[in-house]
Amino acid sequence: MMYRLDISCQTSALSELRAFLQQALGSATLDEIEKHQVTLAVEEVCANLIIHSHGCNPKDIIQLEIKDSDKKLIFEISDQGEAFNILDYEVPDLKKVMVEKRKGGLGIILVKKIMDEIEFESKNGTNTCRLIKWFRS
């Protein structure tokens, strides 16, 4: 099964994204905790794109496609903003973050812990971040 949502690049669209994910994940072979974790990961990537790649420009669009197979869920998040390859992200020193009482910068760590695979590609002006969650037997 496949689901698709286009959201405008404004933080208020994140509530629409959460509602869409709840509905799309309703029949997925994940327990409730995994559904919440996956929602958090997808929302984090989309929020970063909205804020950092698009500057909260409501005229810009992020496309989300969810592909559901027998063995895994694939979340494809595509946009035409400034490319950010999540795979190149260097994890900050957590002790330093705590000492500095810095806000932000930890969401990508969660995404990498929650998802089983992450892929990134940039082609013909379109960036795609692919988040993959395998079903546990």
Protein backbone atom coordinates (compact mmCIF):
# COMPACT_ATOMS: atom_id res chain seq x y z
CA MET A 1 0.00 0.00 0.00
CA MET A 2 1.17 3.57 -0.64
CA TYR A 3 0.23 6.85 1.03
CA ARG A 4 1.15 10.37 -0.08
CA LEU A 5 0.99 13.80 1.52
CA ASP A 6 2.18 17.20 0.33
CA ILE A 7 2.75 19.69 3.15
CA SER A 8 3.58 23.37 2.97
CA CYS A 9 6.83 24.49 4.57
CA GLN A 10 5.42 26.04 7.70
CA THR A 11 5.64 24.61 11.20
CA SER A 12 1.86 24.69 11.58
CA ALA A 13 1.72 21.94 8.91
CA LEU A 14 3.42 19.51 11.31
CA SER A 15 0.10 18.77 13.06
CA GLU A 16 -1.36 17.74 9.68
CA LEU A 17 1.71 15.53 9.17
CA ARG A 18 1.21 13.83 12.57
CA ALA A 19 -2.48 13.14 11.83
CA PHE A 20 -1.59 11.73 8.41
CA LEU A 21 1.08 9.46 9.93
CA GLN A 22 -1.32 8.20 12.60
CA GLN A 23 -3.82 7.23 9.94
CA ALA A 24 -1.24 5.72 7.57
CA LEU A 25 0.45 3.73 10.35
CA GLY A 26 -2.86 2.46 11.74
CA SER A 27 -2.62 -0.88 9.95
CA ALA A 28 1.19 -1.17 9.97
CA THR A 29 2.85 -4.15 11.63
CA LEU A 30 4.40 -2.03 14.37
CA ASP A 31 3.57 -1.83 18.05
CA GLU A 32 2.34 1.48 19.47
CA ILE A 33 5.77 2.52 20.75
CA GLU A 34 7.34 1.91 17.32
CA LYS A 35 4.54 3.90 15.64
CA HIS A 36 5.25 6.86 17.93
CA GLN A 37 9.00 6.55 17.34
CA VAL A 38 8.61 6.44 13.56
CA THR A 39 6.26 9.44 13.71
CA LEU A 40 8.88 11.33 15.73
CA ALA A 41 11.63 10.48 13.21
CA VAL A 42 9.61 11.52 10.14
CA GLU A 43 8.41 14.69 11.87
CA GLU A 44 11.99 15.59 12.86
CA VAL A 45 13.26 15.31 9.29
CA CYS A 46 10.32 17.34 7.95
CA ALA A 47 10.67 20.01 10.67
CA ASN A 48 14.37 20.39 9.86
CA LEU A 49 13.56 20.81 6.17
CA ILE A 50 10.82 23.35 6.90
CA ILE A 51 12.98 25.44 9.22
CA HIS A 52 16.50 25.09 7.84
CA SER A 53 16.13 24.33 4.11
CA HIS A 54 13.03 26.41 3.35
CA GLY A 55 13.04 29.13 6.02
CA CYS A 56 9.37 28.40 6.83
CA ASN A 57 8.25 29.54 3.36
CA PRO A 58 4.62 28.35 3.02
CA LYS A 59 4.90 28.48 -0.79
CA ASP A 60 7.44 25.62 -0.72
CA ILE A 61 6.24 22.01 -0.53
CA ILE A 62 7.61 18.83 1.02
CA GLN A 63 6.33 15.54 -0.37
CA LEU A 64 6.02 12.46 1.79
CA GLU A 65 5.36 9.01 0.37
CA ILE A 66 4.95 5.95 2.56
CA LYS A 67 5.39 2.55 0.94
CA ASP A 68 4.21 -0.41 2.98
CA SER A 69 5.40 -3.92 2.11
CA ASP A 70 5.34 -7.24 3.95
CA LYS A 71 8.77 -6.64 5.47
CA LYS A 72 9.29 -2.89 5.85
CA LEU A 73 7.97 0.65 5.73
CA ILE A 74 9.72 3.16 3.48
CA PHE A 75 9.23 6.88 4.08
CA GLU A 76 10.39 9.02 1.15
CA ILE A 77 10.65 12.70 2.03
CA SER A 78 11.35 14.88 -1.02
CA ASP A 79 11.83 18.60 -1.51
CA GLN A 80 13.57 21.16 -3.70
CA GLY A 81 15.23 23.11 -0.87
CA GLU A 82 18.83 23.40 0.18
CA ALA A 83 20.23 19.87 0.32
CA PHE A 84 21.11 18.40 3.71
CA ASN A 85 22.52 14.90 3.61
CA ILE A 86 21.54 13.35 6.94
CA LEU A 87 24.20 10.68 6.41
CA ASP A 88 26.94 13.32 6.59
CA TYR A 89 25.71 14.60 9.96
CA GLU A 90 28.33 14.35 12.68
CA VAL A 91 26.98 13.54 16.12
CA PRO A 92 27.87 16.28 18.60
CA ASP A 93 29.65 15.52 21.86
CA LEU A 94 26.68 15.07 24.19
CA LYS A 95 28.65 16.11 27.28
CA LYS A 96 29.56 19.37 25.56
CA VAL A 97 25.92 19.94 24.55
CA MET A 98 24.83 19.43 28.19
CA VAL A 99 27.53 21.73 29.60
CA GLU A 100 26.65 24.44 27.08
CA LYS A 101 22.91 23.87 27.72
CA ARG A 102 22.50 24.12 23.97
CA LYS A 103 19.05 23.62 22.49
CA GLY A 104 18.62 21.63 19.30
CA GLY A 105 20.94 19.42 17.33
CA LEU A 106 19.84 16.18 18.90
CA GLY A 107 16.88 15.26 16.70
CA ILE A 108 19.02 13.69 13.99
CA ILE A 109 20.55 11.39 16.62
CA LEU A 110 17.03 10.15 17.41
CA VAL A 111 16.23 9.63 13.72
CA LYS A 112 19.36 7.52 13.29
CA LYS A 113 18.52 5.43 16.38
CA ILE A 114 14.85 4.91 15.48
CA MET A 115 15.15 4.03 11.79
CA ASP A 116 16.86 0.86 10.56
CA GLU A 117 18.21 2.42 7.35
CA ILE A 118 18.60 5.93 6.02
CA GLU A 119 19.34 6.84 2.41
CA PHE A 120 19.82 10.24 0.79
CA GLU A 121 19.98 11.33 -2.81
CA SER A 122 19.94 14.63 -4.63
CA LYS A 123 19.07 14.51 -8.32
CA ASN A 124 17.90 17.15 -10.78
CA GLY A 125 17.16 19.66 -8.00
CA THR A 126 15.13 17.22 -5.89
CA ASN A 127 16.46 15.93 -2.58
CA THR A 128 15.08 12.69 -1.20
CA CYS A 129 15.63 11.34 2.29
CA ARG A 130 14.51 7.72 2.56
CA LEU A 131 13.82 6.39 6.06
CA ILE A 132 13.35 2.62 6.31
CA LYS A 133 11.86 0.68 9.23
CA TRP A 134 11.94 -3.13 9.08
CA PHE A 135 9.16 -5.13 10.70
CA ARG A 136 10.32 -7.36 13.54
CA SER A 137 9.18 -10.97 13.36
